[in-house]
Amino acid sequence: MDEMFDAAGAALCCAAAIRLGGAMRVLAARAELSDGYDLVSAGVDNIVASLEGQDLDEDALGKAFGENWILDARYPAGLSGRAFFSKWTQLVFVTIVLTRPRQQQLVAVQGLDSALEAAAAWPSDVRVGSFTRLADYELACQQETEERLRKGGLPVLRKLAEEQSGQYRRAAELFVG
């Protein structure tokens, strides 16, 4: 695997983590796990910054990895949305591992599959444009993200992912009530 493919794969996974993070922030707040979510999200932001040319903050990434490792276990079993929450932490795990040299046992498609599985596990129907299922919206987002990456490179992905995350946030807010 060459470096550009690694960077592109990590960028696509970061975009998915940011996008689904819109719902994660709401679910984490409901479960009183906002501090843990924020730490993991900061790790994803750190990876994005490194893809944009800044140094990767190994300490911040290590903290994010550690928190991500236990975050899904801390999500209360009785709260709905647990499968979505768990699949997002899998996505972040893959995203972090992709930053490690010579860690080729995981590839970006595994992270993107986790994002699709998370969206498919969403516990209710949604209204996002013409979509009634979050899984269909996520697939469309992944396709758009890949296309934008090819045309505009890494700089366009963060803005796009943040825009798309708003739909996830709204779906979660409606779900949580």
N, C-alpha and C. Protein backbone atom coordinates (compact mmCIF):
# COMPACT_ATOMS: atom_id res chain seq x y z
N MET A 1 0.84 -1.18 0.00
CA MET A 1 0.00 0.00 0.00
C MET A 1 0.89 1.24 0.00
N ASP A 2 0.61 2.20 -0.88
CA ASP A 2 1.45 3.39 -0.90
C ASP A 2 0.91 4.45 0.06
N GLU A 3 1.72 5.49 0.31
CA GLU A 3 1.34 6.50 1.30
C GLU A 3 0.07 7.25 0.93
N MET A 4 -0.10 7.58 -0.35
CA MET A 4 -1.30 8.31 -0.76
C MET A 4 -2.55 7.49 -0.46
N PHE A 5 -2.48 6.19 -0.73
CA PHE A 5 -3.64 5.35 -0.44
C PHE A 5 -3.90 5.33 1.06
N ASP A 6 -2.83 5.23 1.86
CA ASP A 6 -2.99 5.26 3.31
C ASP A 6 -3.62 6.57 3.75
N ALA A 7 -3.12 7.68 3.24
CA ALA A 7 -3.65 8.99 3.61
C ALA A 7 -5.09 9.13 3.15
N ALA A 8 -5.40 8.68 1.97
CA ALA A 8 -6.77 8.76 1.47
C ALA A 8 -7.70 7.90 2.31
N GLY A 9 -7.27 6.70 2.64
CA GLY A 9 -8.09 5.81 3.46
C GLY A 9 -8.32 6.39 4.85
N ALA A 10 -7.27 6.92 5.45
CA ALA A 10 -7.41 7.54 6.77
C ALA A 10 -8.33 8.76 6.69
N ALA A 11 -8.20 9.53 5.62
CA ALA A 11 -9.06 10.71 5.44
C ALA A 11 -10.52 10.32 5.31
N LEU A 12 -10.80 9.27 4.54
CA LEU A 12 -12.18 8.82 4.37
C LEU A 12 -12.75 8.31 5.69
N CYS A 13 -11.93 7.61 6.47
CA CYS A 13 -12.38 7.13 7.78
C CYS A 13 -12.60 8.29 8.74
N CYS A 14 -11.70 9.27 8.72
CA CYS A 14 -11.90 10.46 9.57
C CYS A 14 -13.19 11.17 9.20
N ALA A 15 -13.44 11.31 7.91
CA ALA A 15 -14.68 11.97 7.47
C ALA A 15 -15.89 11.21 7.99
N ALA A 16 -15.86 9.89 7.92
CA ALA A 16 -16.98 9.08 8.42
C ALA A 16 -17.12 9.24 9.93
N ALA A 17 -16.01 9.25 10.66
CA ALA A 17 -16.07 9.40 12.11
C ALA A 17 -16.64 10.76 12.50
N ILE A 18 -16.25 11.80 11.78
CA ILE A 18 -16.79 13.14 12.04
C ILE A 18 -18.28 13.17 11.70
N ARG A 19 -18.63 12.60 10.56
CA ARG A 19 -20.02 12.60 10.10
C ARG A 19 -20.93 11.90 11.13
N LEU A 20 -20.60 10.68 11.49
CA LEU A 20 -21.40 9.93 12.46
C LEU A 20 -21.28 10.52 13.86
N GLY A 21 -20.20 11.28 14.07
CA GLY A 21 -20.01 11.93 15.35
C GLY A 21 -21.13 12.90 15.70
N GLY A 22 -21.84 13.39 14.69
CA GLY A 22 -22.99 14.26 14.97
C GLY A 22 -24.00 13.55 15.85
N ALA A 23 -24.28 12.30 15.56
CA ALA A 23 -25.21 11.51 16.38
C ALA A 23 -24.53 11.04 17.66
N MET A 24 -23.25 10.70 17.57
CA MET A 24 -22.53 10.21 18.74
C MET A 24 -22.51 11.24 19.86
N ARG A 25 -22.32 12.49 19.50
CA ARG A 25 -22.28 13.55 20.52
C ARG A 25 -23.60 13.56 21.31
N VAL A 26 -24.72 13.41 20.61
CA VAL A 26 -26.03 13.42 21.26
C VAL A 26 -26.21 12.17 22.12
N LEU A 27 -25.85 11.00 21.58
CA LEU A 27 -25.98 9.76 22.34
C LEU A 27 -25.06 9.76 23.56
N ALA A 28 -23.84 10.27 23.39
CA ALA A 28 -22.89 10.32 24.50
C ALA A 28 -23.40 11.24 25.61
N ALA A 29 -23.98 12.36 25.23
CA ALA A 29 -24.52 13.29 26.23
C ALA A 29 -25.65 12.62 27.01
N ARG A 30 -26.52 11.92 26.30
CA ARG A 30 -27.63 11.24 26.97
C ARG A 30 -27.12 10.18 27.94
N ALA A 31 -26.02 9.51 27.58
CA ALA A 31 -25.44 8.46 28.42
C ALA A 31 -24.44 9.00 29.44
N GLU A 32 -24.31 10.33 29.50
CA GLU A 32 -23.36 11.00 30.39
C GLU A 32 -21.92 10.55 30.11
N LEU A 33 -21.58 10.45 28.83
CA LEU A 33 -20.25 10.06 28.38
C LEU A 33 -19.61 11.13 27.51
N SER A 34 -20.06 12.36 27.65
CA SER A 34 -19.55 13.44 26.79
C SER A 34 -18.05 13.63 26.91
N ASP A 35 -17.51 13.54 28.13
CA ASP A 35 -16.07 13.73 28.30
C ASP A 35 -15.29 12.69 27.50
N GLY A 36 -15.72 11.44 27.57
CA GLY A 36 -15.06 10.38 26.81
C GLY A 36 -15.20 10.59 25.32
N TYR A 37 -16.40 10.94 24.89
CA TYR A 37 -16.60 11.21 23.46
C TYR A 37 -15.70 12.34 23.00
N ASP A 38 -15.63 13.42 23.78
CA ASP A 38 -14.82 14.57 23.39
C ASP A 38 -13.34 14.20 23.26
N LEU A 39 -12.85 13.34 24.13
CA LEU A 39 -11.46 12.90 24.07
C LEU A 39 -11.20 12.10 22.79
N VAL A 40 -12.12 11.21 22.46
CA VAL A 40 -11.98 10.41 21.24
C VAL A 40 -12.10 11.31 20.01
N SER A 41 -13.06 12.21 20.02
CA SER A 41 -13.24 13.14 18.91
C SER A 41 -12.00 14.00 18.70
N ALA A 42 -11.36 14.41 19.79
CA ALA A 42 -10.12 15.19 19.67
C ALA A 42 -9.03 14.37 18.99
N GLY A 43 -9.02 13.07 19.24
CA GLY A 43 -8.06 12.21 18.56
C GLY A 43 -8.30 12.17 17.06
N VAL A 44 -9.57 12.10 16.66
CA VAL A 44 -9.91 12.12 15.24
C VAL A 44 -9.50 13.46 14.64
N ASP A 45 -9.79 14.54 15.33
CA ASP A 45 -9.38 15.87 14.85
C ASP A 45 -7.86 15.96 14.70
N ASN A 46 -7.13 15.32 15.61
CA ASN A 46 -5.68 15.29 15.54
C ASN A 46 -5.21 14.57 14.27
N ILE A 47 -5.88 13.48 13.93
CA ILE A 47 -5.53 12.76 12.70
C ILE A 47 -5.80 13.63 11.49
N VAL A 48 -6.95 14.30 11.48
CA VAL A 48 -7.27 15.20 10.36
C VAL A 48 -6.20 16.27 10.23
N ALA A 49 -5.81 16.87 11.35
CA ALA A 49 -4.78 17.91 11.31
C ALA A 49 -3.47 17.36 10.76
N SER A 50 -3.14 16.12 11.11
CA SER A 50 -1.90 15.53 10.59
C SER A 50 -2.00 15.29 9.09
N LEU A 51 -3.17 14.95 8.62
CA LEU A 51 -3.36 14.76 7.17
C LEU A 51 -3.26 16.09 6.43
N GLU A 52 -3.52 17.18 7.16
CA GLU A 52 -3.42 18.52 6.58
C GLU A 52 -2.02 19.11 6.75
N GLY A 53 -1.07 18.30 7.26
CA GLY A 53 0.32 18.74 7.33
C GLY A 53 0.88 19.02 8.70
N GLN A 54 0.05 19.01 9.73
CA GLN A 54 0.57 19.23 11.09
C GLN A 54 1.15 17.94 11.64
N ASP A 55 1.94 18.06 12.71
CA ASP A 55 2.49 16.87 13.36
C ASP A 55 1.38 16.12 14.08
N LEU A 56 1.46 14.81 14.04
CA LEU A 56 0.53 13.96 14.77
C LEU A 56 0.91 14.01 16.25
N ASP A 57 -0.02 14.38 17.09
CA ASP A 57 0.22 14.44 18.54
C ASP A 57 0.01 13.04 19.10
N GLU A 58 1.12 12.34 19.31
CA GLU A 58 1.06 10.94 19.76
C GLU A 58 0.40 10.81 21.13
N ASP A 59 0.61 11.78 22.01
CA ASP A 59 0.01 11.73 23.34
C ASP A 59 -1.52 11.83 23.23
N ALA A 60 -1.99 12.79 22.47
CA ALA A 60 -3.44 12.95 22.28
C ALA A 60 -4.03 11.73 21.60
N LEU A 61 -3.31 11.18 20.63
CA LEU A 61 -3.80 10.00 19.93
C LEU A 61 -3.85 8.80 20.87
N GLY A 62 -2.84 8.66 21.72
CA GLY A 62 -2.82 7.56 22.69
C GLY A 62 -3.99 7.66 23.66
N LYS A 63 -4.28 8.87 24.13
CA LYS A 63 -5.41 9.07 25.04
C LYS A 63 -6.73 8.75 24.34
N ALA A 64 -6.85 9.18 23.10
CA ALA A 64 -8.06 8.89 22.33
C ALA A 64 -8.23 7.39 22.14
N PHE A 65 -7.13 6.72 21.82
CA PHE A 65 -7.17 5.27 21.62
C PHE A 65 -7.63 4.57 22.90
N GLY A 66 -7.03 4.96 24.03
CA GLY A 66 -7.40 4.34 25.30
C GLY A 66 -8.85 4.58 25.67
N GLU A 67 -9.32 5.80 25.49
CA GLU A 67 -10.71 6.12 25.81
C GLU A 67 -11.66 5.42 24.86
N ASN A 68 -11.31 5.38 23.58
CA ASN A 68 -12.16 4.71 22.60
C ASN A 68 -12.30 3.22 22.94
N TRP A 69 -11.21 2.65 23.45
CA TRP A 69 -11.19 1.22 23.78
C TRP A 69 -12.26 0.87 24.81
N ILE A 70 -12.50 1.79 25.76
CA ILE A 70 -13.45 1.50 26.84
C ILE A 70 -14.79 2.22 26.69
N LEU A 71 -14.87 3.17 25.77
CA LEU A 71 -16.07 4.00 25.67
C LEU A 71 -17.32 3.18 25.39
N ASP A 72 -17.23 2.26 24.46
CA ASP A 72 -18.45 1.52 24.12
C ASP A 72 -18.88 0.61 25.26
N ALA A 73 -17.95 0.12 26.07
CA ALA A 73 -18.30 -0.70 27.22
C ALA A 73 -19.00 0.12 28.30
N ARG A 74 -18.77 1.41 28.31
CA ARG A 74 -19.39 2.29 29.30
C ARG A 74 -20.80 2.73 28.90
N TYR A 75 -21.19 2.49 27.64
CA TYR A 75 -22.53 2.88 27.20
C TYR A 75 -23.56 1.99 27.89
N PRO A 76 -24.54 2.56 28.57
CA PRO A 76 -25.50 1.76 29.33
C PRO A 76 -26.26 0.76 28.45
N ALA A 77 -26.31 -0.47 28.91
CA ALA A 77 -26.95 -1.55 28.15
C ALA A 77 -28.42 -1.27 27.88
N GLY A 78 -29.09 -0.58 28.78
CA GLY A 78 -30.52 -0.33 28.63
C GLY A 78 -30.88 0.78 27.67
N LEU A 79 -29.90 1.55 27.23
CA LEU A 79 -30.20 2.66 26.31
C LEU A 79 -30.15 2.18 24.86
N SER A 80 -31.15 2.59 24.09
CA SER A 80 -31.12 2.25 22.67
C SER A 80 -30.02 3.07 21.99
N GLY A 81 -29.57 2.58 20.87
CA GLY A 81 -28.48 3.23 20.15
C GLY A 81 -27.13 2.59 20.43
N ARG A 82 -27.13 1.55 21.25
CA ARG A 82 -25.87 0.89 21.65
C ARG A 82 -25.12 0.33 20.44
N ALA A 83 -25.81 -0.30 19.50
CA ALA A 83 -25.13 -0.89 18.34
C ALA A 83 -24.48 0.21 17.49
N PHE A 84 -25.17 1.32 17.31
CA PHE A 84 -24.60 2.45 16.58
C PHE A 84 -23.34 2.94 17.29
N PHE A 85 -23.45 3.11 18.59
CA PHE A 85 -22.34 3.59 19.41
C PHE A 85 -21.13 2.66 19.27
N SER A 86 -21.38 1.37 19.37
CA SER A 86 -20.31 0.37 19.29
C SER A 86 -19.63 0.37 17.92
N LYS A 87 -20.40 0.46 16.87
CA LYS A 87 -19.82 0.46 15.52
C LYS A 87 -19.02 1.73 15.26
N TRP A 88 -19.45 2.84 15.84
CA TRP A 88 -18.65 4.07 15.70
C TRP A 88 -17.30 3.91 16.36
N THR A 89 -17.27 3.29 17.54
CA THR A 89 -15.97 3.10 18.20
C THR A 89 -15.10 2.15 17.38
N GLN A 90 -15.69 1.19 16.68
CA GLN A 90 -14.90 0.34 15.78
C GLN A 90 -14.32 1.16 14.63
N LEU A 91 -15.12 2.04 14.08
CA LEU A 91 -14.66 2.93 13.02
C LEU A 91 -13.47 3.76 13.50
N VAL A 92 -13.57 4.32 14.69
CA VAL A 92 -12.47 5.13 15.23
C VAL A 92 -11.24 4.27 15.48
N PHE A 93 -11.43 3.05 15.96
CA PHE A 93 -10.30 2.14 16.17
C PHE A 93 -9.53 1.95 14.87
N VAL A 94 -10.25 1.63 13.80
CA VAL A 94 -9.60 1.45 12.49
C VAL A 94 -8.90 2.74 12.07
N THR A 95 -9.56 3.86 12.26
CA THR A 95 -8.99 5.15 11.86
C THR A 95 -7.67 5.41 12.58
N ILE A 96 -7.63 5.14 13.87
CA ILE A 96 -6.40 5.35 14.64
C ILE A 96 -5.32 4.38 14.19
N VAL A 97 -5.67 3.12 14.01
CA VAL A 97 -4.68 2.11 13.61
C VAL A 97 -4.09 2.45 12.24
N LEU A 98 -4.88 3.05 11.37
CA LEU A 98 -4.37 3.43 10.04
C LEU A 98 -3.22 4.44 10.13
N THR A 99 -3.11 5.14 11.25
CA THR A 99 -2.02 6.11 11.41
C THR A 99 -0.71 5.45 11.83
N ARG A 100 -0.77 4.20 12.22
CA ARG A 100 0.41 3.49 12.70
C ARG A 100 1.19 2.90 11.54
N PRO A 101 2.50 3.09 11.54
CA PRO A 101 3.32 2.51 10.47
C PRO A 101 3.22 0.98 10.46
N ARG A 102 3.14 0.44 9.30
CA ARG A 102 3.15 -1.00 9.07
C ARG A 102 2.01 -1.75 9.76
N GLN A 103 0.88 -1.11 9.95
CA GLN A 103 -0.28 -1.78 10.53
C GLN A 103 -1.25 -2.12 9.40
N GLN A 104 -0.86 -3.06 8.58
CA GLN A 104 -1.66 -3.34 7.39
C GLN A 104 -2.69 -4.44 7.60
N GLN A 105 -2.84 -4.92 8.82
CA GLN A 105 -3.88 -5.92 9.05
C GLN A 105 -5.27 -5.28 8.99
N LEU A 106 -5.33 -3.97 9.11
CA LEU A 106 -6.59 -3.25 8.96
C LEU A 106 -6.49 -2.32 7.77
N VAL A 107 -7.57 -2.20 7.05
CA VAL A 107 -7.60 -1.30 5.90
C VAL A 107 -8.82 -0.38 6.05
N ALA A 108 -8.77 0.72 5.33
CA ALA A 108 -9.82 1.74 5.46
C ALA A 108 -11.21 1.18 5.20
N VAL A 109 -11.33 0.25 4.28
CA VAL A 109 -12.66 -0.28 3.97
C VAL A 109 -13.32 -0.90 5.21
N GLN A 110 -12.52 -1.41 6.13
CA GLN A 110 -13.09 -1.96 7.36
C GLN A 110 -13.70 -0.85 8.21
N GLY A 111 -13.07 0.29 8.24
CA GLY A 111 -13.64 1.43 8.96
C GLY A 111 -14.91 1.92 8.30
N LEU A 112 -14.88 2.02 6.99
CA LEU A 112 -16.06 2.49 6.26
C LEU A 112 -17.21 1.49 6.39
N ASP A 113 -16.88 0.20 6.42
CA ASP A 113 -17.91 -0.81 6.66
C ASP A 113 -18.53 -0.64 8.05
N SER A 114 -17.70 -0.31 9.03
CA SER A 114 -18.22 -0.07 10.39
C SER A 114 -19.17 1.12 10.39
N ALA A 115 -18.85 2.14 9.61
CA ALA A 115 -19.73 3.30 9.51
C ALA A 115 -21.08 2.90 8.91
N LEU A 116 -21.04 2.09 7.86
CA LEU A 116 -22.29 1.61 7.25
C LEU A 116 -23.07 0.74 8.22
N GLU A 117 -22.37 -0.12 8.96
CA GLU A 117 -23.04 -0.98 9.94
C GLU A 117 -23.65 -0.15 11.07
N ALA A 118 -22.95 0.90 11.48
CA ALA A 118 -23.50 1.79 12.51
C ALA A 118 -24.79 2.43 12.01
N ALA A 119 -24.75 2.96 10.80
CA ALA A 119 -25.94 3.60 10.24
C ALA A 119 -27.08 2.60 10.07
N ALA A 120 -26.75 1.38 9.66
CA ALA A 120 -27.78 0.35 9.50
C ALA A 120 -28.39 -0.04 10.84
N ALA A 121 -27.63 0.12 11.91
CA ALA A 121 -28.11 -0.24 13.25
C ALA A 121 -28.92 0.87 13.90
N TRP A 122 -29.05 2.02 13.22
CA TRP A 122 -29.80 3.12 13.82
C TRP A 122 -31.20 2.64 14.15
N PRO A 123 -31.67 2.87 15.39
CA PRO A 123 -32.90 2.24 15.86
C PRO A 123 -34.22 2.82 15.36
N SER A 124 -34.19 3.76 14.44
CA SER A 124 -35.46 4.31 13.94
C SER A 124 -35.28 4.80 12.51
N ASP A 125 -36.41 4.97 11.84
CA ASP A 125 -36.37 5.59 10.52
C ASP A 125 -36.03 7.07 10.68
N VAL A 126 -35.50 7.65 9.61
CA VAL A 126 -35.11 9.06 9.64
C VAL A 126 -35.64 9.75 8.40
N ARG A 127 -35.60 11.06 8.41
CA ARG A 127 -35.90 11.86 7.23
C ARG A 127 -34.68 12.72 6.94
N VAL A 128 -33.90 12.28 5.99
CA VAL A 128 -32.72 13.03 5.56
C VAL A 128 -32.84 13.16 4.05
N GLY A 129 -33.30 14.33 3.60
CA GLY A 129 -33.52 14.50 2.17
C GLY A 129 -34.50 13.45 1.67
N SER A 130 -34.08 12.68 0.69
CA SER A 130 -34.94 11.63 0.14
C SER A 130 -34.76 10.29 0.85
N PHE A 131 -33.92 10.25 1.88
CA PHE A 131 -33.60 9.00 2.56
C PHE A 131 -34.47 8.81 3.80
N THR A 132 -34.89 7.57 4.02
CA THR A 132 -35.63 7.22 5.24
C THR A 132 -34.81 6.29 6.13
N ARG A 133 -33.69 5.85 5.63
CA ARG A 133 -32.79 5.00 6.43
C ARG A 133 -31.42 5.66 6.49
N LEU A 134 -30.84 5.68 7.67
CA LEU A 134 -29.53 6.27 7.84
C LEU A 134 -28.47 5.52 7.04
N ALA A 135 -28.65 4.21 6.86
CA ALA A 135 -27.68 3.43 6.08
C ALA A 135 -27.63 3.90 4.63
N ASP A 136 -28.76 4.24 4.06
CA ASP A 136 -28.78 4.73 2.68
C ASP A 136 -28.12 6.11 2.60
N TYR A 137 -28.39 6.94 3.60
CA TYR A 137 -27.74 8.25 3.65
C TYR A 137 -26.23 8.10 3.79
N GLU A 138 -25.79 7.20 4.65
CA GLU A 138 -24.35 7.00 4.86
C GLU A 138 -23.67 6.52 3.59
N LEU A 139 -24.28 5.61 2.88
CA LEU A 139 -23.69 5.14 1.62
C LEU A 139 -23.55 6.29 0.63
N ALA A 140 -24.57 7.12 0.53
CA ALA A 140 -24.50 8.29 -0.36
C ALA A 140 -23.40 9.25 0.11
N CYS A 141 -23.27 9.43 1.42
CA CYS A 141 -22.21 10.30 1.95
C CYS A 141 -20.83 9.75 1.61
N GLN A 142 -20.65 8.45 1.77
CA GLN A 142 -19.36 7.85 1.46
C GLN A 142 -19.02 8.02 -0.02
N GLN A 143 -20.01 7.84 -0.87
CA GLN A 143 -19.76 8.02 -2.31
C GLN A 143 -19.40 9.46 -2.63
N GLU A 144 -20.13 10.40 -2.04
CA GLU A 144 -19.84 11.82 -2.28
C GLU A 144 -18.46 12.19 -1.73
N THR A 145 -18.12 11.66 -0.58
CA THR A 145 -16.82 11.96 0.03
C THR A 145 -15.68 11.45 -0.84
N GLU A 146 -15.80 10.24 -1.34
CA GLU A 146 -14.76 9.69 -2.22
C GLU A 146 -14.61 10.54 -3.48
N GLU A 147 -15.73 10.95 -4.04
CA GLU A 147 -15.70 11.79 -5.25
C GLU A 147 -15.03 13.13 -4.96
N ARG A 148 -15.41 13.75 -3.86
CA ARG A 148 -14.82 15.05 -3.50
C ARG A 148 -13.33 14.92 -3.21
N LEU A 149 -12.93 13.81 -2.60
CA LEU A 149 -11.50 13.59 -2.33
C LEU A 149 -10.72 13.52 -3.64
N ARG A 150 -11.28 12.82 -4.61
CA ARG A 150 -10.61 12.72 -5.92
C ARG A 150 -10.49 14.08 -6.59
N LYS A 151 -11.54 14.88 -6.50
CA LYS A 151 -11.56 16.17 -7.19
C LYS A 151 -10.85 17.28 -6.43
N GLY A 152 -11.03 17.32 -5.10
CA GLY A 152 -10.54 18.47 -4.35
C GLY A 152 -9.48 18.18 -3.32
N GLY A 153 -9.13 16.91 -3.15
CA GLY A 153 -8.11 16.57 -2.17
C GLY A 153 -8.62 16.63 -0.74
N LEU A 154 -7.69 16.50 0.17
CA LEU A 154 -8.01 16.42 1.59
C LEU A 154 -8.70 17.65 2.17
N PRO A 155 -8.35 18.87 1.75
CA PRO A 155 -8.93 20.05 2.40
C PRO A 155 -10.46 20.12 2.38
N VAL A 156 -11.10 19.55 1.37
CA VAL A 156 -12.56 19.66 1.28
C VAL A 156 -13.29 18.70 2.22
N LEU A 157 -12.58 17.68 2.71
CA LEU A 157 -13.28 16.62 3.44
C LEU A 157 -13.80 17.05 4.81
N ARG A 158 -13.03 17.80 5.56
CA ARG A 158 -13.48 18.20 6.90
C ARG A 158 -14.77 19.00 6.82
N LYS A 159 -14.80 20.00 5.95
CA LYS A 159 -16.00 20.84 5.82
C LYS A 159 -17.21 19.99 5.40
N LEU A 160 -17.01 19.12 4.43
CA LEU A 160 -18.11 18.26 3.97
C LEU A 160 -18.59 17.37 5.11
N ALA A 161 -17.66 16.75 5.82
CA ALA A 161 -18.04 15.84 6.92
C ALA A 161 -18.79 16.59 8.01
N GLU A 162 -18.35 17.79 8.32
CA GLU A 162 -19.03 18.58 9.35
C GLU A 162 -20.45 18.95 8.90
N GLU A 163 -20.61 19.28 7.63
CA GLU A 163 -21.95 19.58 7.10
C GLU A 163 -22.84 18.34 7.20
N GLN A 164 -22.31 17.20 6.79
CA GLN A 164 -23.09 15.96 6.81
C GLN A 164 -23.40 15.52 8.24
N SER A 165 -22.53 15.85 9.19
CA SER A 165 -22.75 15.44 10.58
C SER A 165 -24.00 16.09 11.15
N GLY A 166 -24.38 17.24 10.61
CA GLY A 166 -25.59 17.90 11.08
C GLY A 166 -26.83 17.04 10.89
N GLN A 167 -26.89 16.28 9.81
CA GLN A 167 -28.03 15.38 9.58
C GLN A 167 -28.06 14.27 10.63
N TYR A 168 -26.89 13.75 10.97
CA TYR A 168 -26.81 12.72 12.01
C TYR A 168 -27.22 13.30 13.36
N ARG A 169 -26.75 14.51 13.66
CA ARG A 169 -27.10 15.15 14.92
C ARG A 169 -28.61 15.34 15.02
N ARG A 170 -29.22 15.84 13.95
CA ARG A 170 -30.68 16.06 13.96
C ARG A 170 -31.43 14.74 14.13
N ALA A 171 -30.98 13.69 13.47
CA ALA A 171 -31.62 12.38 13.62
C ALA A 171 -31.54 11.92 15.07
N ALA A 172 -30.40 12.11 15.69
CA ALA A 172 -30.22 11.70 17.08
C ALA A 172 -31.07 12.55 18.02
N GLU A 173 -31.13 13.84 17.77
CA GLU A 173 -31.94 14.72 18.61
C GLU A 173 -33.41 14.34 18.53
N LEU A 174 -33.89 14.02 17.34
CA LEU A 174 -35.28 13.58 17.20
C LEU A 174 -35.51 12.25 17.89
N PHE A 175 -34.53 11.37 17.79
CA PHE A 175 -34.65 10.05 18.40
C PHE A 175 -34.65 10.14 19.93
N VAL A 176 -33.74 10.94 20.47
CA VAL A 176 -33.61 11.05 21.92
C VAL A 176 -34.76 11.86 22.51
N GLY A 177 -35.24 12.84 21.73
CA GLY A 177 -36.39 13.63 22.16
C GLY A 177 -36.06 14.80 22.93
